[in-house]
Amino acid sequence: MPANVDKEKCTGCETCVAECPSEAISMVDEKAEVDSEACIDCGVCIDACPEEAISLE
């Protein structure tokens, strides 16, 4: 299951974009968005997010 971004918590800091090893995260309307096809379920973005806005649910 790909990472899920809580748009309410995401501040658009882009930390997850820089940390994602599969380049599956991009910014859309100043919020992180995960490409479910490219996401490898590694969890790096979850640990990187300072707002705790990303989960693997």
N, C-alpha and C. Protein backbone atom coordinates (compact mmCIF):
# COMPACT_ATOMS: atom_id res chain seq x y z
N MET A 1 0.85 -1.19 0.00
CA MET A 1 0.00 0.00 0.00
C MET A 1 0.89 1.25 0.00
N PRO A 2 0.63 2.17 -0.90
CA PRO A 2 1.47 3.37 -0.97
C PRO A 2 1.24 4.31 0.21
N ALA A 3 2.20 5.19 0.40
CA ALA A 3 2.10 6.19 1.46
C ALA A 3 0.90 7.10 1.19
N ASN A 4 0.30 7.57 2.28
CA ASN A 4 -0.86 8.44 2.21
C ASN A 4 -0.52 9.76 2.90
N VAL A 5 -0.83 10.88 2.26
CA VAL A 5 -0.56 12.20 2.82
C VAL A 5 -1.85 12.81 3.35
N ASP A 6 -1.81 13.24 4.61
CA ASP A 6 -2.94 13.96 5.20
C ASP A 6 -2.78 15.42 4.77
N LYS A 7 -3.59 15.86 3.83
CA LYS A 7 -3.48 17.20 3.27
C LYS A 7 -3.70 18.29 4.31
N GLU A 8 -4.44 17.99 5.36
CA GLU A 8 -4.68 18.96 6.43
C GLU A 8 -3.41 19.22 7.24
N LYS A 9 -2.60 18.20 7.41
CA LYS A 9 -1.37 18.33 8.20
C LYS A 9 -0.17 18.79 7.37
N CYS A 10 -0.18 18.48 6.08
CA CYS A 10 0.96 18.80 5.20
C CYS A 10 1.12 20.32 5.09
N THR A 11 2.35 20.81 5.35
CA THR A 11 2.64 22.23 5.25
C THR A 11 3.38 22.59 3.97
N GLY A 12 3.66 21.60 3.14
CA GLY A 12 4.34 21.84 1.88
C GLY A 12 5.83 22.11 2.01
N CYS A 13 6.45 21.57 3.03
CA CYS A 13 7.87 21.83 3.28
C CYS A 13 8.80 21.14 2.29
N GLU A 14 8.31 20.13 1.59
CA GLU A 14 9.03 19.37 0.56
C GLU A 14 10.14 18.46 1.10
N THR A 15 10.20 18.25 2.41
CA THR A 15 11.20 17.34 2.98
C THR A 15 11.02 15.94 2.43
N CYS A 16 9.80 15.48 2.35
CA CYS A 16 9.52 14.14 1.85
C CYS A 16 9.94 13.97 0.39
N VAL A 17 9.77 15.03 -0.39
CA VAL A 17 10.15 14.98 -1.81
C VAL A 17 11.64 14.71 -1.93
N ALA A 18 12.43 15.41 -1.13
CA ALA A 18 13.88 15.26 -1.18
C ALA A 18 14.34 13.90 -0.66
N GLU A 19 13.61 13.32 0.29
CA GLU A 19 14.01 12.06 0.92
C GLU A 19 13.55 10.80 0.19
N CYS A 20 12.53 10.90 -0.62
CA CYS A 20 11.96 9.72 -1.27
C CYS A 20 12.95 9.07 -2.25
N PRO A 21 13.36 7.83 -1.98
CA PRO A 21 14.34 7.17 -2.86
C PRO A 21 13.79 6.77 -4.22
N SER A 22 12.47 6.68 -4.34
CA SER A 22 11.88 6.29 -5.63
C SER A 22 11.28 7.48 -6.38
N GLU A 23 11.50 8.68 -5.85
CA GLU A 23 10.98 9.90 -6.47
C GLU A 23 9.48 9.82 -6.73
N ALA A 24 8.76 9.24 -5.77
CA ALA A 24 7.32 9.04 -5.92
C ALA A 24 6.48 10.19 -5.38
N ILE A 25 7.13 11.18 -4.77
CA ILE A 25 6.38 12.29 -4.17
C ILE A 25 6.66 13.57 -4.93
N SER A 26 5.59 14.28 -5.24
CA SER A 26 5.70 15.58 -5.90
C SER A 26 4.78 16.55 -5.17
N MET A 27 4.91 17.81 -5.51
CA MET A 27 4.08 18.83 -4.89
C MET A 27 2.95 19.21 -5.86
N VAL A 28 1.73 19.18 -5.35
CA VAL A 28 0.55 19.57 -6.13
C VAL A 28 -0.24 20.54 -5.27
N ASP A 29 -0.43 21.74 -5.77
CA ASP A 29 -1.12 22.80 -5.01
C ASP A 29 -0.49 23.00 -3.64
N GLU A 30 0.84 22.98 -3.60
CA GLU A 30 1.64 23.22 -2.40
C GLU A 30 1.47 22.15 -1.32
N LYS A 31 1.04 20.96 -1.71
CA LYS A 31 0.90 19.83 -0.80
C LYS A 31 1.58 18.62 -1.43
N ALA A 32 2.12 17.74 -0.58
CA ALA A 32 2.76 16.53 -1.08
C ALA A 32 1.72 15.57 -1.65
N GLU A 33 2.08 14.93 -2.74
CA GLU A 33 1.21 13.93 -3.34
C GLU A 33 2.05 12.73 -3.75
N VAL A 34 1.60 11.54 -3.40
CA VAL A 34 2.34 10.31 -3.67
C VAL A 34 1.82 9.63 -4.92
N ASP A 35 2.74 9.26 -5.81
CA ASP A 35 2.41 8.49 -7.00
C ASP A 35 2.36 7.03 -6.56
N SER A 36 1.18 6.47 -6.49
CA SER A 36 1.01 5.11 -5.98
C SER A 36 1.72 4.07 -6.83
N GLU A 37 1.93 4.35 -8.10
CA GLU A 37 2.63 3.41 -8.99
C GLU A 37 4.13 3.38 -8.68
N ALA A 38 4.68 4.53 -8.28
CA ALA A 38 6.13 4.63 -8.04
C ALA A 38 6.52 4.35 -6.59
N CYS A 39 5.58 4.49 -5.66
CA CYS A 39 5.86 4.29 -4.23
C CYS A 39 6.27 2.84 -3.96
N ILE A 40 7.37 2.67 -3.21
CA ILE A 40 7.87 1.33 -2.90
C ILE A 40 7.60 0.93 -1.44
N ASP A 41 6.77 1.68 -0.76
CA ASP A 41 6.35 1.38 0.62
C ASP A 41 7.52 1.27 1.60
N CYS A 42 8.54 2.09 1.41
CA CYS A 42 9.74 1.99 2.26
C CYS A 42 9.60 2.72 3.59
N GLY A 43 8.73 3.74 3.66
CA GLY A 43 8.51 4.47 4.90
C GLY A 43 9.48 5.60 5.18
N VAL A 44 10.40 5.86 4.28
CA VAL A 44 11.37 6.94 4.49
C VAL A 44 10.65 8.28 4.66
N CYS A 45 9.63 8.51 3.87
CA CYS A 45 8.90 9.77 3.94
C CYS A 45 8.19 9.95 5.28
N ILE A 46 7.74 8.85 5.85
CA ILE A 46 7.06 8.91 7.15
C ILE A 46 8.01 9.43 8.22
N ASP A 47 9.21 8.88 8.23
CA ASP A 47 10.21 9.31 9.20
C ASP A 47 10.70 10.73 8.93
N ALA A 48 10.72 11.14 7.67
CA ALA A 48 11.23 12.45 7.30
C ALA A 48 10.24 13.59 7.57
N CYS A 49 8.96 13.30 7.55
CA CYS A 49 7.95 14.35 7.66
C CYS A 49 7.90 14.96 9.06
N PRO A 50 8.21 16.27 9.18
CA PRO A 50 8.20 16.91 10.49
C PRO A 50 6.79 17.15 11.04
N GLU A 51 5.79 17.05 10.17
CA GLU A 51 4.40 17.28 10.58
C GLU A 51 3.63 16.00 10.86
N GLU A 52 4.28 14.85 10.67
CA GLU A 52 3.63 13.55 10.83
C GLU A 52 2.37 13.46 9.96
N ALA A 53 2.51 13.96 8.72
CA ALA A 53 1.37 14.01 7.80
C ALA A 53 1.32 12.81 6.86
N ILE A 54 2.29 11.90 6.96
CA ILE A 54 2.34 10.78 6.03
C ILE A 54 2.23 9.46 6.79
N SER A 55 1.46 8.54 6.24
CA SER A 55 1.31 7.22 6.86
C SER A 55 1.21 6.16 5.77
N LEU A 56 1.36 4.92 6.18
CA LEU A 56 1.20 3.79 5.26
C LEU A 56 -0.09 3.05 5.62
N GLU A 57 -1.20 3.74 5.51
CA GLU A 57 -2.50 3.16 5.84
C GLU A 57 -3.21 2.72 4.59
